[in-house]
């Protein structure tokens, strides 16, 4: 259901970051939403990448959450970066299939 709602947002809080790990960041980023999540994201390359390009923030407290919402909702570059990140990663499945197919033919 969330993937249907992201088109109406400006920033998304992605759950799970205070437990075992975060939920899907790419669904929100595909709609140009910068994302916020808790501190347990180290197993998720997309989360690290989104932070590196300014399209995400990790938070550990309510104060940090409020600050992250304010900063990201006012930053059009964060929104554009999130959307561009997803666009740049399109076609990965086709590349993987091509590599697998090629290695099976050897």
PDB file of N, CA and C in Angstrom:
ATOM      1  N   UNK A   1       0.806  -1.180   0.000  1.00  0.00           N
ATOM      2  CA  UNK A   1       0.000   0.000   0.000  1.00  0.00           C
ATOM      3  C   UNK A   1       0.868   1.270   0.000  1.00  0.00           C
ATOM      4  N   UNK A   2       2.000   1.222   0.691  1.00  0.00           N
ATOM      5  CA  UNK A   2       2.856   2.403   0.751  1.00  0.00           C
ATOM      6  C   UNK A   2       3.319   2.844  -0.630  1.00  0.00           C
ATOM      7  N   UNK A   3       3.636   1.886  -1.483  1.00  0.00           N
ATOM      8  CA  UNK A   3       4.114   2.254  -2.816  1.00  0.00           C
ATOM      9  C   UNK A   3       3.074   3.054  -3.588  1.00  0.00           C
ATOM     10  N   UNK A   4       1.809   2.909  -3.257  1.00  0.00           N
ATOM     11  CA  UNK A   4       0.745   3.692  -3.889  1.00  0.00           C
ATOM     12  C   UNK A   4       0.642   5.094  -3.292  1.00  0.00           C
ATOM     13  N   UNK A   5       1.124   5.269  -2.077  1.00  0.00           N
ATOM     14  CA  UNK A   5       0.998   6.550  -1.386  1.00  0.00           C
ATOM     15  C   UNK A   5       2.210   7.459  -1.560  1.00  0.00           C
ATOM     16  N   UNK A   6       3.355   6.896  -1.863  1.00  0.00           N
ATOM     17  CA  UNK A   6       4.578   7.699  -1.949  1.00  0.00           C
ATOM     18  C   UNK A   6       4.461   8.848  -2.941  1.00  0.00           C
ATOM     19  N   UNK A   7       3.675   8.687  -3.985  1.00  0.00           N
ATOM     20  CA  UNK A   7       3.559   9.743  -4.998  1.00  0.00           C
ATOM     21  C   UNK A   7       3.008  11.052  -4.427  1.00  0.00           C
ATOM     22  N   UNK A   8       2.385  11.001  -3.265  1.00  0.00           N
ATOM     23  CA  UNK A   8       1.791  12.193  -2.662  1.00  0.00           C
ATOM     24  C   UNK A   8       2.688  12.848  -1.609  1.00  0.00           C
ATOM     25  N   UNK A   9       3.815  12.236  -1.305  1.00  0.00           N
ATOM     26  CA  UNK A   9       4.660  12.722  -0.220  1.00  0.00           C
ATOM     27  C   UNK A   9       5.759  13.663  -0.647  1.00  0.00           C
ATOM     28  N   UNK A  10       6.469  14.170   0.370  1.00  0.00           N
ATOM     29  CA  UNK A  10       7.657  15.005   0.149  1.00  0.00           C
ATOM     30  C   UNK A  10       8.895  14.341   0.735  1.00  0.00           C
ATOM     31  N   UNK A  11       8.717  13.611   1.832  1.00  0.00           N
ATOM     32  CA  UNK A  11       9.787  12.898   2.529  1.00  0.00           C
ATOM     33  C   UNK A  11       9.170  11.630   3.099  1.00  0.00           C
ATOM     34  N   UNK A  12       9.950  10.561   3.156  1.00  0.00           N
ATOM     35  CA  UNK A  12       9.427   9.304   3.704  1.00  0.00           C
ATOM     36  C   UNK A  12      10.275   8.842   4.884  1.00  0.00           C
ATOM     37  N   UNK A  13       9.595   8.435   5.945  1.00  0.00           N
ATOM     38  CA  UNK A  13      10.269   7.748   7.040  1.00  0.00           C
ATOM     39  C   UNK A  13      10.138   6.256   6.765  1.00  0.00           C
ATOM     40  N   UNK A  14      11.269   5.573   6.687  1.00  0.00           N
ATOM     41  CA  UNK A  14      11.296   4.140   6.407  1.00  0.00           C
ATOM     42  C   UNK A  14      11.488   3.407   7.730  1.00  0.00           C
ATOM     43  N   UNK A  15      10.578   2.525   8.046  1.00  0.00           N
ATOM     44  CA  UNK A  15      10.611   1.816   9.313  1.00  0.00           C
ATOM     45  C   UNK A  15      11.660   0.717   9.379  1.00  0.00           C
ATOM     46  N   UNK A  16      11.816   0.172  10.561  1.00  0.00           N
ATOM     47  CA  UNK A  16      12.694  -0.964  10.778  1.00  0.00           C
ATOM     48  C   UNK A  16      14.093  -0.617  11.211  1.00  0.00           C
ATOM     49  N   UNK A  17      14.491   0.638  11.133  1.00  0.00           N
ATOM     50  CA  UNK A  17      15.870   1.030  11.401  1.00  0.00           C
ATOM     51  C   UNK A  17      16.304   0.987  12.855  1.00  0.00           C
ATOM     52  N   UNK A  18      15.389   0.644  13.744  1.00  0.00           N
ATOM     53  CA  UNK A  18      15.759   0.487  15.144  1.00  0.00           C
ATOM     54  C   UNK A  18      15.721  -0.984  15.550  1.00  0.00           C
ATOM     55  N   UNK A  19      15.426  -1.856  14.576  1.00  0.00           N
ATOM     56  CA  UNK A  19      15.382  -3.300  14.819  1.00  0.00           C
ATOM     57  C   UNK A  19      16.494  -3.979  14.046  1.00  0.00           C
ATOM     58  N   UNK A  20      16.111  -4.986  13.272  1.00  0.00           N
ATOM     59  CA  UNK A  20      17.098  -5.776  12.534  1.00  0.00           C
ATOM     60  C   UNK A  20      17.621  -5.054  11.298  1.00  0.00           C
ATOM     61  N   UNK A  21      16.866  -4.145  10.751  1.00  0.00           N
ATOM     62  CA  UNK A  21      17.287  -3.437   9.546  1.00  0.00           C
ATOM     63  C   UNK A  21      16.113  -2.688   8.953  1.00  0.00           C
ATOM     64  N   UNK A  22      16.385  -1.879   7.956  1.00  0.00           N
ATOM     65  CA  UNK A  22      15.346  -1.019   7.392  1.00  0.00           C
ATOM     66  C   UNK A  22      14.529  -1.722   6.320  1.00  0.00           C
ATOM     67  N   UNK A  23      13.377  -1.135   6.055  1.00  0.00           N
ATOM     68  CA  UNK A  23      12.507  -1.623   4.989  1.00  0.00           C
ATOM     69  C   UNK A  23      12.982  -1.031   3.661  1.00  0.00           C
ATOM     70  N   UNK A  24      12.211  -1.173   2.616  1.00  0.00           N
ATOM     71  CA  UNK A  24      12.599  -0.792   1.268  1.00  0.00           C
ATOM     72  C   UNK A  24      12.696   0.728   1.085  1.00  0.00           C
ATOM     73  N   UNK A  25      13.903   1.214   0.837  1.00  0.00           N
ATOM     74  CA  UNK A  25      14.117   2.645   0.605  1.00  0.00           C
ATOM     75  C   UNK A  25      13.854   3.033  -0.847  1.00  0.00           C
ATOM     76  N   UNK A  26      14.012   2.088  -1.752  1.00  0.00           N
ATOM     77  CA  UNK A  26      13.913   2.410  -3.171  1.00  0.00           C
ATOM     78  C   UNK A  26      12.494   2.728  -3.618  1.00  0.00           C
ATOM     79  N   UNK A  27      11.491   2.148  -2.972  1.00  0.00           N
ATOM     80  CA  UNK A  27      10.107   2.457  -3.349  1.00  0.00           C
ATOM     81  C   UNK A  27       9.842   3.948  -3.207  1.00  0.00           C
ATOM     82  N   UNK A  28      10.258   4.529  -2.101  1.00  0.00           N
ATOM     83  CA  UNK A  28      10.053   5.964  -1.873  1.00  0.00           C
ATOM     84  C   UNK A  28      10.962   6.793  -2.776  1.00  0.00           C
ATOM     85  N   UNK A  29      12.212   6.392  -2.886  1.00  0.00           N
ATOM     86  CA  UNK A  29      13.169   7.143  -3.704  1.00  0.00           C
ATOM     87  C   UNK A  29      12.746   7.194  -5.169  1.00  0.00           C
ATOM     88  N   UNK A  30      12.083   6.155  -5.649  1.00  0.00           N
ATOM     89  CA  UNK A  30      11.620   6.120  -7.041  1.00  0.00           C
ATOM     90  C   UNK A  30      10.636   7.251  -7.332  1.00  0.00           C
ATOM     91  N   UNK A  31       9.954   7.725  -6.308  1.00  0.00           N
ATOM     92  CA  UNK A  31       9.024   8.840  -6.464  1.00  0.00           C
ATOM     93  C   UNK A  31       9.680  10.184  -6.135  1.00  0.00           C
ATOM     94  N   UNK A  32      10.989  10.164  -5.963  1.00  0.00           N
ATOM     95  CA  UNK A  32      11.704  11.398  -5.655  1.00  0.00           C
ATOM     96  C   UNK A  32      11.579  11.830  -4.218  1.00  0.00           C
ATOM     97  N   UNK A  33      11.293  10.888  -3.334  1.00  0.00           N
ATOM     98  CA  UNK A  33      11.207  11.226  -1.918  1.00  0.00           C
ATOM     99  C   UNK A  33      12.535  10.944  -1.230  1.00  0.00           C
ATOM    100  N   UNK A  34      13.120  11.956  -0.602  1.00  0.00           N
ATOM    101  CA  UNK A  34      14.262  11.674   0.263  1.00  0.00           C
ATOM    102  C   UNK A  34      13.764  10.801   1.411  1.00  0.00           C
ATOM    103  N   UNK A  35      14.638  10.001   1.984  1.00  0.00           N
ATOM    104  CA  UNK A  35      14.212   9.053   3.003  1.00  0.00           C
ATOM    105  C   UNK A  35      14.960   9.250   4.317  1.00  0.00           C
ATOM    106  N   UNK A  36      14.262   8.894   5.383  1.00  0.00           N
ATOM    107  CA  UNK A  36      14.811   8.947   6.737  1.00  0.00           C
ATOM    108  C   UNK A  36      14.625   7.561   7.340  1.00  0.00           C
ATOM    109  N   UNK A  37      15.628   7.110   8.071  1.00  0.00           N
ATOM    110  CA  UNK A  37      15.532   5.797   8.716  1.00  0.00           C
ATOM    111  C   UNK A  37      16.414   5.774   9.947  1.00  0.00           C
ATOM    112  N   UNK A  38      16.221   4.759  10.761  1.00  0.00           N
ATOM    113  CA  UNK A  38      16.978   4.600  11.996  1.00  0.00           C
ATOM    114  C   UNK A  38      18.423   4.207  11.747  1.00  0.00           C
ATOM    115  N   UNK A  39      19.170   3.990  12.823  1.00  0.00           N
ATOM    116  CA  UNK A  39      20.610   3.776  12.733  1.00  0.00           C
ATOM    117  C   UNK A  39      21.070   2.393  12.253  1.00  0.00           C
ATOM    118  N   UNK A  40      20.182   1.437  12.159  1.00  0.00           N
ATOM    119  CA  UNK A  40      20.600   0.079  11.784  1.00  0.00           C
ATOM    120  C   UNK A  40      20.364  -0.162  10.288  1.00  0.00           C
ATOM    121  N   UNK A  41      21.208   0.472   9.480  1.00  0.00           N
ATOM    122  CA  UNK A  41      21.077   0.372   8.028  1.00  0.00           C
ATOM    123  C   UNK A  41      22.363  -0.129   7.365  1.00  0.00           C
ATOM    124  N   UNK A  42      23.360  -0.499   8.150  1.00  0.00           N
ATOM    125  CA  UNK A  42      24.680  -0.824   7.611  1.00  0.00           C
ATOM    126  C   UNK A  42      24.707  -2.014   6.656  1.00  0.00           C
ATOM    127  N   UNK A  43      23.689  -2.855   6.639  1.00  0.00           N
ATOM    128  CA  UNK A  43      23.634  -4.000   5.723  1.00  0.00           C
ATOM    129  C   UNK A  43      22.984  -3.634   4.387  1.00  0.00           C
ATOM    130  N   UNK A  44      22.610  -2.384   4.198  1.00  0.00           N
ATOM    131  CA  UNK A  44      21.828  -1.973   3.034  1.00  0.00           C
ATOM    132  C   UNK A  44      22.598  -0.950   2.201  1.00  0.00           C
ATOM    133  N   UNK A  45      23.152  -1.410   1.096  1.00  0.00           N
ATOM    134  CA  UNK A  45      23.974  -0.546   0.249  1.00  0.00           C
ATOM    135  C   UNK A  45      23.193   0.658  -0.271  1.00  0.00           C
ATOM    136  N   UNK A  46      21.921   0.449  -0.618  1.00  0.00           N
ATOM    137  CA  UNK A  46      21.117   1.568  -1.124  1.00  0.00           C
ATOM    138  C   UNK A  46      21.021   2.673  -0.087  1.00  0.00           C
ATOM    139  N   UNK A  47      20.851   2.317   1.164  1.00  0.00           N
ATOM    140  CA  UNK A  47      20.763   3.319   2.228  1.00  0.00           C
ATOM    141  C   UNK A  47      22.069   4.094   2.340  1.00  0.00           C
ATOM    142  N   UNK A  48      23.186   3.384   2.299  1.00  0.00           N
ATOM    143  CA  UNK A  48      24.492   4.049   2.363  1.00  0.00           C
ATOM    144  C   UNK A  48      24.670   4.988   1.175  1.00  0.00           C
ATOM    145  N   UNK A  49      24.282   4.517  -0.002  1.00  0.00           N
ATOM    146  CA  UNK A  49      24.409   5.331  -1.211  1.00  0.00           C
ATOM    147  C   UNK A  49      23.535   6.581  -1.132  1.00  0.00           C
ATOM    148  N   UNK A  50      22.295   6.419  -0.677  1.00  0.00           N
ATOM    149  CA  UNK A  50      21.381   7.561  -0.589  1.00  0.00           C
ATOM    150  C   UNK A  50      21.885   8.598   0.408  1.00  0.00           C
ATOM    151  N   UNK A  51      22.472   8.162   1.502  1.00  0.00           N
ATOM    152  CA  UNK A  51      23.063   9.104   2.456  1.00  0.00           C
ATOM    153  C   UNK A  51      24.221   9.840   1.788  1.00  0.00           C
ATOM    154  N   UNK A  52      25.054   9.108   1.084  1.00  0.00           N
ATOM    155  CA  UNK A  52      26.238   9.699   0.451  1.00  0.00           C
ATOM    156  C   UNK A  52      25.887  10.783  -0.567  1.00  0.00           C
ATOM    157  N   UNK A  53      24.744  10.651  -1.232  1.00  0.00           N
ATOM    158  CA  UNK A  53      24.364  11.647  -2.237  1.00  0.00           C
ATOM    159  C   UNK A  53      23.402  12.706  -1.684  1.00  0.00           C
ATOM    160  N   UNK A  54      23.156  12.671  -0.383  1.00  0.00           N
ATOM    161  CA  UNK A  54      22.316  13.680   0.249  1.00  0.00           C
ATOM    162  C   UNK A  54      20.826  13.447   0.100  1.00  0.00           C
ATOM    163  N   UNK A  55      20.432  12.228  -0.248  1.00  0.00           N
ATOM    164  CA  UNK A  55      19.022  11.910  -0.444  1.00  0.00           C
ATOM    165  C   UNK A  55      18.428  11.135   0.726  1.00  0.00           C
ATOM    166  N   UNK A  56      19.188  10.991   1.806  1.00  0.00           N
ATOM    167  CA  UNK A  56      18.698  10.255   2.983  1.00  0.00           C
ATOM    168  C   UNK A  56      19.434  10.731   4.224  1.00  0.00           C
ATOM    169  N   UNK A  57      18.795  10.490   5.360  1.00  0.00           N
ATOM    170  CA  UNK A  57      19.413  10.767   6.650  1.00  0.00           C
ATOM    171  C   UNK A  57      19.061   9.636   7.606  1.00  0.00           C
ATOM    172  N   UNK A  58      20.031   9.270   8.411  1.00  0.00           N
ATOM    173  CA  UNK A  58      19.807   8.305   9.478  1.00  0.00           C
ATOM    174  C   UNK A  58      19.622   9.084  10.771  1.00  0.00           C
ATOM    175  N   UNK A  59      18.666   8.652  11.574  1.00  0.00           N
ATOM    176  CA  UNK A  59      18.382   9.357  12.827  1.00  0.00           C
ATOM    177  C   UNK A  59      18.411   8.385  14.001  1.00  0.00           C
ATOM    178  N   UNK A  60      18.653   8.941  15.181  1.00  0.00           N
ATOM    179  CA  UNK A  60      18.680   8.128  16.393  1.00  0.00           C
ATOM    180  C   UNK A  60      17.778   8.668  17.495  1.00  0.00           C
ATOM    181  N   UNK A  61      17.116   9.805  17.229  1.00  0.00           N
ATOM    182  CA  UNK A  61      16.272  10.409  18.263  1.00  0.00           C
ATOM    183  C   UNK A  61      15.141  11.199  17.627  1.00  0.00           C
ATOM    184  N   UNK A  62      14.177  11.584  18.449  1.00  0.00           N
ATOM    185  CA  UNK A  62      13.048  12.380  17.968  1.00  0.00           C
ATOM    186  C   UNK A  62      13.520  13.747  17.474  1.00  0.00           C
ATOM    187  N   UNK A  63      14.484  14.333  18.152  1.00  0.00           N
ATOM    188  CA  UNK A  63      15.019  15.633  17.738  1.00  0.00           C
ATOM    189  C   UNK A  63      15.661  15.517  16.360  1.00  0.00           C
ATOM    190  N   UNK A  64      16.447  14.463  16.147  1.00  0.00           N
ATOM    191  CA  UNK A  64      17.074  14.251  14.842  1.00  0.00           C
ATOM    192  C   UNK A  64      16.022  14.007  13.761  1.00  0.00           C
ATOM    193  N   UNK A  65      14.943  13.318  14.110  1.00  0.00           N
ATOM    194  CA  UNK A  65      13.862  13.068  13.154  1.00  0.00           C
ATOM    195  C   UNK A  65      13.225  14.378  12.703  1.00  0.00           C
ATOM    196  N   UNK A  66      12.905  15.239  13.637  1.00  0.00           N
ATOM    197  CA  UNK A  66      12.298  16.533  13.302  1.00  0.00           C
ATOM    198  C   UNK A  66      13.236  17.339  12.415  1.00  0.00           C
ATOM    199  N   UNK A  67      14.508  17.372  12.767  1.00  0.00           N
ATOM    200  CA  UNK A  67      15.505  18.109  11.988  1.00  0.00           C
ATOM    201  C   UNK A  67      15.624  17.529  10.575  1.00  0.00           C
ATOM    202  N   UNK A  68      15.669  16.205  10.470  1.00  0.00           N
ATOM    203  CA  UNK A  68      15.811  15.559   9.164  1.00  0.00           C
ATOM    204  C   UNK A  68      14.614  15.852   8.270  1.00  0.00           C
ATOM    205  N   UNK A  69      13.407  15.794   8.826  1.00  0.00           N
ATOM    206  CA  UNK A  69      12.214  16.125   8.051  1.00  0.00           C
ATOM    207  C   UNK A  69      12.292  17.562   7.531  1.00  0.00           C
ATOM    208  N   UNK A  70      12.685  18.470   8.387  1.00  0.00           N
ATOM    209  CA  UNK A  70      12.753  19.876   7.988  1.00  0.00           C
ATOM    210  C   UNK A  70      13.801  20.078   6.897  1.00  0.00           C
ATOM    211  N   UNK A  71      14.983  19.544   7.088  1.00  0.00           N
ATOM    212  CA  UNK A  71      16.067  19.720   6.122  1.00  0.00           C
ATOM    213  C   UNK A  71      15.719  19.093   4.781  1.00  0.00           C
ATOM    214  N   UNK A  72      15.250  17.852   4.796  1.00  0.00           N
ATOM    215  CA  UNK A  72      14.981  17.151   3.538  1.00  0.00           C
ATOM    216  C   UNK A  72      13.751  17.686   2.803  1.00  0.00           C
ATOM    217  N   UNK A  73      12.750  18.129   3.538  1.00  0.00           N
ATOM    218  CA  UNK A  73      11.539  18.628   2.874  1.00  0.00           C
ATOM    219  C   UNK A  73      11.779  19.966   2.186  1.00  0.00           C
ATOM    220  N   UNK A  74      12.797  20.687   2.616  1.00  0.00           N
ATOM    221  CA  UNK A  74      13.124  21.979   2.013  1.00  0.00           C
ATOM    222  C   UNK A  74      14.224  21.875   0.956  1.00  0.00           C
ATOM    223  N   UNK A  75      14.727  20.687   0.724  1.00  0.00           N
ATOM    224  CA  UNK A  75      15.874  20.501  -0.164  1.00  0.00           C
ATOM    225  C   UNK A  75      15.457  19.817  -1.463  1.00  0.00           C
ATOM    226  N   UNK A  76      15.260  20.601  -2.515  1.00  0.00           N
ATOM    227  CA  UNK A  76      14.863  20.035  -3.800  1.00  0.00           C
ATOM    228  C   UNK A  76      15.954  19.150  -4.394  1.00  0.00           C
ATOM    229  N   UNK A  77      17.209  19.440  -4.080  1.00  0.00           N
ATOM    230  CA  UNK A  77      18.314  18.611  -4.586  1.00  0.00           C
ATOM    231  C   UNK A  77      18.245  17.195  -4.012  1.00  0.00           C
ATOM    232  N   UNK A  78      17.791  17.063  -2.766  1.00  0.00           N
ATOM    233  CA  UNK A  78      17.656  15.740  -2.148  1.00  0.00           C
ATOM    234  C   UNK A  78      16.623  14.916  -2.885  1.00  0.00           C
ATOM    235  N   UNK A  79      15.519  15.552  -3.237  1.00  0.00           N
ATOM    236  CA  UNK A  79      14.458  14.869  -3.982  1.00  0.00           C
ATOM    237  C   UNK A  79      14.956  14.421  -5.354  1.00  0.00           C
ATOM    238  N   UNK A  80      15.618  15.325  -6.066  1.00  0.00           N
ATOM    239  CA  UNK A  80      16.139  14.998  -7.397  1.00  0.00           C
ATOM    240  C   UNK A  80      17.193  13.898  -7.311  1.00  0.00           C
ATOM    241  N   UNK A  81      18.028  13.950  -6.284  1.00  0.00           N
ATOM    242  CA  UNK A  81      19.076  12.940  -6.118  1.00  0.00           C
ATOM    243  C   UNK A  81      18.483  11.562  -5.856  1.00  0.00           C
ATOM    244  N   UNK A  82      17.419  11.513  -5.049  1.00  0.00           N
ATOM    245  CA  UNK A  82      16.762  10.235  -4.763  1.00  0.00           C
ATOM    246  C   UNK A  82      16.221   9.611  -6.039  1.00  0.00           C
ATOM    247  N   UNK A  83      15.512  10.416  -6.812  1.00  0.00           N
ATOM    248  CA  UNK A  83      14.922   9.916  -8.053  1.00  0.00           C
ATOM    249  C   UNK A  83      16.007   9.504  -9.055  1.00  0.00           C
ATOM    250  N   UNK A  84      17.048  10.304  -9.174  1.00  0.00           N
ATOM    251  CA  UNK A  84      18.134  10.001 -10.111  1.00  0.00           C
ATOM    252  C   UNK A  84      18.863   8.716  -9.716  1.00  0.00           C
ATOM    253  N   UNK A  85      19.007   8.483  -8.421  1.00  0.00           N
ATOM    254  CA  UNK A  85      19.670   7.265  -7.952  1.00  0.00           C
ATOM    255  C   UNK A  85      18.935   6.033  -8.471  1.00  0.00           C
ATOM    256  N   UNK A  86      17.620   6.033  -8.352  1.00  0.00           N
ATOM    257  CA  UNK A  86      16.829   4.894  -8.822  1.00  0.00           C
ATOM    258  C   UNK A  86      16.927   4.770 -10.341  1.00  0.00           C
ATOM    259  N   UNK A  87      16.851   5.890 -11.041  1.00  0.00           N
ATOM    260  CA  UNK A  87      16.968   5.874 -12.506  1.00  0.00           C
ATOM    261  C   UNK A  87      18.310   5.284 -12.936  1.00  0.00           C
ATOM    262  N   UNK A  88      19.363   5.668 -12.256  1.00  0.00           N
ATOM    263  CA  UNK A  88      20.706   5.185 -12.592  1.00  0.00           C
ATOM    264  C   UNK A  88      20.876   3.691 -12.353  1.00  0.00           C
ATOM    265  N   UNK A  89      20.085   3.122 -11.470  1.00  0.00           N
ATOM    266  CA  UNK A  89      20.202   1.698 -11.136  1.00  0.00           C
ATOM    267  C   UNK A  89      19.277   0.808 -11.961  1.00  0.00           C
ATOM    268  N   UNK A  90      18.434   1.394 -12.787  1.00  0.00           N
ATOM    269  CA  UNK A  90      17.522   0.581 -13.604  1.00  0.00           C
ATOM    270  C   UNK A  90      18.317  -0.312 -14.545  1.00  0.00           C
ATOM    271  N   UNK A  91      17.787  -1.502 -14.792  1.00  0.00           N
ATOM    272  CA  UNK A  91      18.436  -2.435 -15.705  1.00  0.00           C
ATOM    273  C   UNK A  91      19.392  -3.405 -15.025  1.00  0.00           C
ATOM    274  N   UNK A  92      19.506  -3.337 -13.717  1.00  0.00           N
ATOM    275  CA  UNK A  92      20.431  -4.218 -13.001  1.00  0.00           C
ATOM    276  C   UNK A  92      20.053  -5.682 -13.181  1.00  0.00           C
ATOM    277  N   UNK A  93      18.768  -5.987 -13.181  1.00  0.00           N
ATOM    278  CA  UNK A  93      18.327  -7.375 -13.344  1.00  0.00           C
ATOM    279  C   UNK A  93      18.753  -7.906 -14.711  1.00  0.00           C
ATOM    280  N   UNK A  94      18.582  -7.115 -15.749  1.00  0.00           N
ATOM    281  CA  UNK A  94      19.002  -7.544 -17.087  1.00  0.00           C
ATOM    282  C   UNK A  94      20.503  -7.796 -17.142  1.00  0.00           C
ATOM    283  N   UNK A  95      21.273  -6.952 -16.471  1.00  0.00           N
ATOM    284  CA  UNK A  95      22.727  -7.142 -16.448  1.00  0.00           C
ATOM    285  C   UNK A  95      23.100  -8.429 -15.730  1.00  0.00           C
ATOM    286  N   UNK A  96      22.441  -8.715 -14.635  1.00  0.00           N
ATOM    287  CA  UNK A  96      22.724  -9.938 -13.870  1.00  0.00           C
ATOM    288  C   UNK A  96      22.367 -11.173 -14.694  1.00  0.00           C
ATOM    289  N   UNK A  97      21.210 -11.142 -15.335  1.00  0.00           N
ATOM    290  CA  UNK A  97      20.791 -12.279 -16.167  1.00  0.00           C
ATOM    291  C   UNK A  97      21.771 -12.499 -17.303  1.00  0.00           C
ATOM    292  N   UNK A  98      22.240 -11.438 -17.914  1.00  0.00           N
ATOM    293  CA  UNK A  98      23.208 -11.560 -19.006  1.00  0.00           C
ATOM    294  C   UNK A  98      24.503 -12.205 -18.524  1.00  0.00           C
ATOM    295  N   UNK A  99      24.965 -11.827 -17.354  1.00  0.00           N
ATOM    296  CA  UNK A  99      26.195 -12.411 -16.795  1.00  0.00           C
ATOM    297  C   UNK A  99      25.990 -13.892 -16.475  1.00  0.00           C
ATOM    298  N   UNK A 100      24.861 -14.226 -15.865  1.00  0.00           N
ATOM    299  CA  UNK A 100      24.567 -15.629 -15.527  1.00  0.00           C
ATOM    300  C   UNK A 100      24.463 -16.461 -16.802  1.00  0.00           C
ATOM    301  N   UNK A 101      23.747 -15.940 -17.780  1.00  0.00           N
ATOM    302  CA  UNK A 101      23.576 -16.666 -19.044  1.00  0.00           C
ATOM    303  C   UNK A 101      24.925 -16.891 -19.717  1.00  0.00           C
ATOM    304  N   UNK A 102      25.752 -15.865 -19.729  1.00  0.00           N
ATOM    305  CA  UNK A 102      27.070 -15.963 -20.349  1.00  0.00           C
ATOM    306  C   UNK A 102      27.944 -16.990 -19.625  1.00  0.00           C
ATOM    307  N   UNK A 103      27.928 -16.980 -18.284  1.00  0.00           N
ATOM    308  CA  UNK A 103      28.756 -17.928 -17.539  1.00  0.00           C
ATOM    309  C   UNK A 103      28.259 -19.360 -17.686  1.00  0.00           C
ATOM    310  N   UNK A 104      26.958 -19.550 -17.893  1.00  0.00           N
ATOM    311  CA  UNK A 104      26.412 -20.895 -18.103  1.00  0.00           C
ATOM    312  C   UNK A 104      26.766 -21.444 -19.479  1.00  0.00           C
ATOM    313  N   UNK A 105      27.107 -20.578 -20.410  1.00  0.00           N
ATOM    314  CA  UNK A 105      27.439 -21.003 -21.766  1.00  0.00           C
ATOM    315  C   UNK A 105      28.915 -21.366 -21.896  1.00  0.00           C
ATOM    316  N   UNK A 106      29.711 -21.082 -20.888  1.00  0.00           N
ATOM    317  CA  UNK A 106      31.154 -21.371 -20.947  1.00  0.00           C
ATOM    318  C   UNK A 106      31.443 -22.817 -20.742  1.00  0.00           C
TER     319      UNK A 106
END
